[in-house]
Amino acid sequence: MKEYETGNTENTIDLIKYLQKEDKERQEKNSNILRWNQLSILEYSKVFYQSFVKRN
């Protein structure tokens, strides 16, 4: 991140846009991680269920 001068409206607007973009990227990354975690849980549940059914 580049240095920003305080009191300069243009720099403040640039900083806000930069932080919004960074926040959006972070939210997308977290969403993808959550999606992968949900898929992993689903896969583990399926494997566990299949092994349980085979035993009984």
Protein backbone atom coordinates (compact mmCIF):
# COMPACT_ATOMS: atom_id res chain seq x y z
CA MET A 1 0.00 0.00 0.00
CA LYS A 2 1.38 3.39 -0.92
CA GLU A 3 1.66 6.26 1.53
CA TYR A 4 -1.25 8.69 1.69
CA GLU A 5 -1.15 12.34 2.78
CA THR A 6 -3.78 13.38 5.27
CA GLY A 7 -6.12 16.23 4.44
CA ASN A 8 -5.99 15.64 0.68
CA THR A 9 -9.48 14.78 -0.57
CA GLU A 10 -8.26 13.01 -3.71
CA ASN A 11 -5.90 10.81 -1.68
CA THR A 12 -8.66 10.07 0.82
CA ILE A 13 -11.01 8.97 -1.99
CA ASP A 14 -8.24 6.78 -3.47
CA LEU A 15 -7.60 5.27 -0.04
CA ILE A 16 -11.30 4.50 0.46
CA LYS A 17 -11.51 2.85 -3.00
CA TYR A 18 -8.36 0.83 -2.26
CA LEU A 19 -9.70 -0.35 1.10
CA GLN A 20 -13.09 -1.23 -0.41
CA LYS A 21 -11.37 -3.28 -3.14
CA GLU A 22 -9.17 -5.00 -0.57
CA ASP A 23 -12.21 -5.74 1.63
CA LYS A 24 -14.14 -7.18 -1.34
CA GLU A 25 -11.19 -9.45 -2.23
CA ARG A 26 -10.95 -10.59 1.40
CA GLN A 27 -14.69 -11.36 1.50
CA GLU A 28 -14.46 -13.37 -1.76
CA LYS A 29 -11.48 -15.31 -0.40
CA ASN A 30 -13.34 -16.06 2.84
CA SER A 31 -16.41 -17.11 0.86
CA ASN A 32 -14.30 -19.52 -1.20
CA ILE A 33 -12.69 -20.94 1.96
CA LEU A 34 -16.13 -21.42 3.51
CA ARG A 35 -17.38 -23.14 0.35
CA TRP A 36 -14.41 -25.54 0.36
CA ASN A 37 -14.94 -26.25 4.06
CA GLN A 38 -18.58 -27.10 3.41
CA LEU A 39 -17.59 -29.43 0.56
CA SER A 40 -14.99 -31.11 2.78
CA ILE A 41 -17.55 -31.67 5.54
CA LEU A 42 -19.96 -33.12 2.99
CA GLU A 43 -17.28 -35.49 1.64
CA TYR A 44 -16.24 -36.63 5.14
CA SER A 45 -19.89 -37.19 6.06
CA LYS A 46 -20.44 -39.28 2.94
CA VAL A 47 -17.34 -41.42 3.59
CA PHE A 48 -18.26 -41.86 7.25
CA TYR A 49 -21.83 -42.86 6.35
CA GLN A 50 -20.63 -45.36 3.72
CA SER A 51 -18.18 -46.96 6.14
CA PHE A 52 -20.88 -47.11 8.82
CA VAL A 53 -23.37 -48.76 6.44
CA LYS A 54 -20.77 -51.31 5.28
CA ARG A 55 -20.06 -52.34 8.89
CA ASN A 56 -23.73 -52.97 9.71
